[in-house]
Every structure is written in C-alpha cells, then in structure tokens.
C-alpha atoms as a PDB file:
ATOM      1  CA  UNK A   1       4.366   5.585  -6.597  1.00  0.00           C
ATOM      2  CA  UNK A   2       3.092   7.435  -3.591  1.00  0.00           C
ATOM      3  CA  UNK A   3      -0.007   9.355  -2.588  1.00  0.00           C
ATOM      4  CA  UNK A   4       0.335  13.132  -2.990  1.00  0.00           C
ATOM      5  CA  UNK A   5       2.751  12.775  -5.896  1.00  0.00           C
ATOM      6  CA  UNK A   6       2.020  14.014  -9.415  1.00  0.00           C
ATOM      7  CA  UNK A   7       2.641  11.725 -12.365  1.00  0.00           C
ATOM      8  CA  UNK A   8       2.456  12.316 -16.111  1.00  0.00           C
ATOM      9  CA  UNK A   9       0.760   9.737 -18.303  1.00  0.00           C
ATOM     10  CA  UNK A  10       1.675   8.975 -21.915  1.00  0.00           C
ATOM     11  CA  UNK A  11      -0.862  11.537 -23.135  1.00  0.00           C
ATOM     12  CA  UNK A  12       1.133  14.238 -21.224  1.00  0.00           C
ATOM     13  CA  UNK A  13      -1.718  14.797 -18.756  1.00  0.00           C
ATOM     14  CA  UNK A  14      -0.643  15.257 -15.149  1.00  0.00           C
ATOM     15  CA  UNK A  15      -2.462  13.380 -12.378  1.00  0.00           C
ATOM     16  CA  UNK A  16      -2.217  13.854  -8.622  1.00  0.00           C
ATOM     17  CA  UNK A  17      -2.446  10.570  -6.715  1.00  0.00           C
ATOM     18  CA  UNK A  18      -4.952  11.210  -3.921  1.00  0.00           C
ATOM     19  CA  UNK A  19      -5.585   7.809  -2.322  1.00  0.00           C
ATOM     20  CA  UNK A  20      -4.141   4.309  -2.604  1.00  0.00           C
ATOM     21  CA  UNK A  21      -5.572   0.851  -1.972  1.00  0.00           C
ATOM     22  CA  UNK A  22      -4.401  -2.700  -2.491  1.00  0.00           C
ATOM     23  CA  UNK A  23      -6.996  -5.137  -3.800  1.00  0.00           C
ATOM     24  CA  UNK A  24      -6.402  -8.718  -4.959  1.00  0.00           C
ATOM     25  CA  UNK A  25      -2.626  -8.196  -5.082  1.00  0.00           C
ATOM     26  CA  UNK A  26      -3.020  -5.089  -7.251  1.00  0.00           C
ATOM     27  CA  UNK A  27      -2.440  -1.431  -6.347  1.00  0.00           C
ATOM     28  CA  UNK A  28      -4.975   1.234  -7.324  1.00  0.00           C
ATOM     29  CA  UNK A  29      -4.987   5.013  -6.966  1.00  0.00           C
ATOM     30  CA  UNK A  30      -7.742   7.595  -6.889  1.00  0.00           C
ATOM     31  CA  UNK A  31      -6.308  10.375  -9.040  1.00  0.00           C
ATOM     32  CA  UNK A  32      -7.293  13.889 -10.034  1.00  0.00           C
ATOM     33  CA  UNK A  33      -6.102  15.428 -13.287  1.00  0.00           C
ATOM     34  CA  UNK A  34      -4.126  18.528 -12.340  1.00  0.00           C
ATOM     35  CA  UNK A  35      -6.013  21.818 -12.867  1.00  0.00           C
ATOM     36  CA  UNK A  36      -9.269  20.034 -13.754  1.00  0.00           C
ATOM     37  CA  UNK A  37     -12.175  18.358 -11.999  1.00  0.00           C
ATOM     38  CA  UNK A  38     -11.491  15.074 -13.820  1.00  0.00           C
ATOM     39  CA  UNK A  39     -10.957  11.967 -11.703  1.00  0.00           C
ATOM     40  CA  UNK A  40      -9.743   8.497 -12.593  1.00  0.00           C
ATOM     41  CA  UNK A  41      -8.876   5.209 -10.987  1.00  0.00           C
ATOM     42  CA  UNK A  42      -5.345   4.224 -11.976  1.00  0.00           C
ATOM     43  CA  UNK A  43      -3.923   0.728 -11.669  1.00  0.00           C
ATOM     44  CA  UNK A  44      -0.222   0.267 -10.973  1.00  0.00           C
ATOM     45  CA  UNK A  45       1.461  -2.286 -13.212  1.00  0.00           C
ATOM     46  CA  UNK A  46       4.871  -3.840 -12.511  1.00  0.00           C
ATOM     47  CA  UNK A  47       6.736  -5.115 -15.561  1.00  0.00           C
ATOM     48  CA  UNK A  48      10.350  -6.290 -15.309  1.00  0.00           C
ATOM     49  CA  UNK A  49      10.982  -4.241 -12.154  1.00  0.00           C
ATOM     50  CA  UNK A  50       9.530  -1.112 -13.777  1.00  0.00           C
ATOM     51  CA  UNK A  51       6.290   0.497 -12.656  1.00  0.00           C
ATOM     52  CA  UNK A  52       3.701   2.298 -14.729  1.00  0.00           C
ATOM     53  CA  UNK A  53      -0.027   3.014 -14.422  1.00  0.00           C
ATOM     54  CA  UNK A  54      -3.032   2.567 -16.626  1.00  0.00           C
ATOM     55  CA  UNK A  55      -6.537   3.968 -16.305  1.00  0.00           C
ATOM     56  CA  UNK A  56      -9.143   1.454 -15.208  1.00  0.00           C
ATOM     57  CA  UNK A  57     -11.834   1.416 -17.898  1.00  0.00           C
ATOM     58  CA  UNK A  58     -13.444  -1.944 -17.153  1.00  0.00           C
ATOM     59  CA  UNK A  59     -16.781  -1.064 -15.577  1.00  0.00           C
ATOM     60  CA  UNK A  60     -16.984  -4.117 -13.270  1.00  0.00           C
ATOM     61  CA  UNK A  61     -13.437  -3.631 -11.989  1.00  0.00           C
ATOM     62  CA  UNK A  62     -14.058   0.088 -11.589  1.00  0.00           C
ATOM     63  CA  UNK A  63     -17.245  -0.475  -9.578  1.00  0.00           C
ATOM     64  CA  UNK A  64     -15.475  -2.898  -7.238  1.00  0.00           C
ATOM     65  CA  UNK A  65     -12.572  -0.504  -6.620  1.00  0.00           C
ATOM     66  CA  UNK A  66     -14.909   2.468  -6.144  1.00  0.00           C
ATOM     67  CA  UNK A  67     -16.916   0.516  -3.537  1.00  0.00           C
ATOM     68  CA  UNK A  68     -13.767  -0.139  -1.529  1.00  0.00           C
ATOM     69  CA  UNK A  69     -12.527   3.414  -1.912  1.00  0.00           C
ATOM     70  CA  UNK A  70     -15.910   4.809  -0.909  1.00  0.00           C
ATOM     71  CA  UNK A  71     -15.721   2.858   2.347  1.00  0.00           C
ATOM     72  CA  UNK A  72     -12.210   4.146   3.029  1.00  0.00           C
ATOM     73  CA  UNK A  73     -12.351   7.637   1.546  1.00  0.00           C
ATOM     74  CA  UNK A  74     -16.044   8.521   1.360  1.00  0.00           C
ATOM     75  CA  UNK A  75     -15.681  12.286   1.383  1.00  0.00           C
ATOM     76  CA  UNK A  76     -13.333  12.285  -1.625  1.00  0.00           C
ATOM     77  CA  UNK A  77     -15.918  10.373  -3.638  1.00  0.00           C
ATOM     78  CA  UNK A  78     -19.050  12.098  -2.421  1.00  0.00           C
ATOM     79  CA  UNK A  79     -21.362  13.031  -5.314  1.00  0.00           C
ATOM     80  CA  UNK A  80     -19.220  11.224  -7.919  1.00  0.00           C
ATOM     81  CA  UNK A  81     -20.821   8.939 -10.491  1.00  0.00           C
ATOM     82  CA  UNK A  82     -19.304   6.022 -12.390  1.00  0.00           C
ATOM     83  CA  UNK A  83     -19.403   8.164 -15.520  1.00  0.00           C
ATOM     84  CA  UNK A  84     -16.979  10.605 -13.873  1.00  0.00           C
ATOM     85  CA  UNK A  85     -14.296   7.905 -14.099  1.00  0.00           C
ATOM     86  CA  UNK A  86     -14.815   6.709 -17.674  1.00  0.00           C
ATOM     87  CA  UNK A  87     -13.672   8.633 -20.744  1.00  0.00           C
END
C-alpha cells in the first residue's frame, strides 16, 4: 500500500492514505475517509503474503502513533483530537 492511494475497507468505506510511518516493525497510515472529514490511523497487516489494514482503536497505541506522526506531519494533524480517530 502506498501514500496517495485510495483503499476500500470491508465496510465499503473508501480511505485515502495520506502519510505512512514504520514503528516497531509495523506500518501505519494516516487516512482520510473520502468525501468526509473523518480521519483514522490504519495499521497494515501481512498474513500469508497478503496485506490488509485495520483501524487502530487501542487508545495507547493510537496515542503513540499520533505523537510520531505529529512530529513528522504536524500540519496534517493540527487541531485534531484523539476522539477524531476513534469511532
């Protein structure tokens, strides 16, 4: 998966991958749901040579990833709150 691509999750919602980081041997994306102002942190999972993503819902993991992303991509995250990333 690459930044600037659009993916569709199992719920048929489309997400644009805005930024990518690697943290503790895992890959995470800052994503924006297409045609909305909804954001999420997605985690890339590799299973038997296939890739898929899942939303990060764990608050501690989410905070750690957001800290790193804020350092790297501060403007994208300006004025966002943790609640903006949790359903």
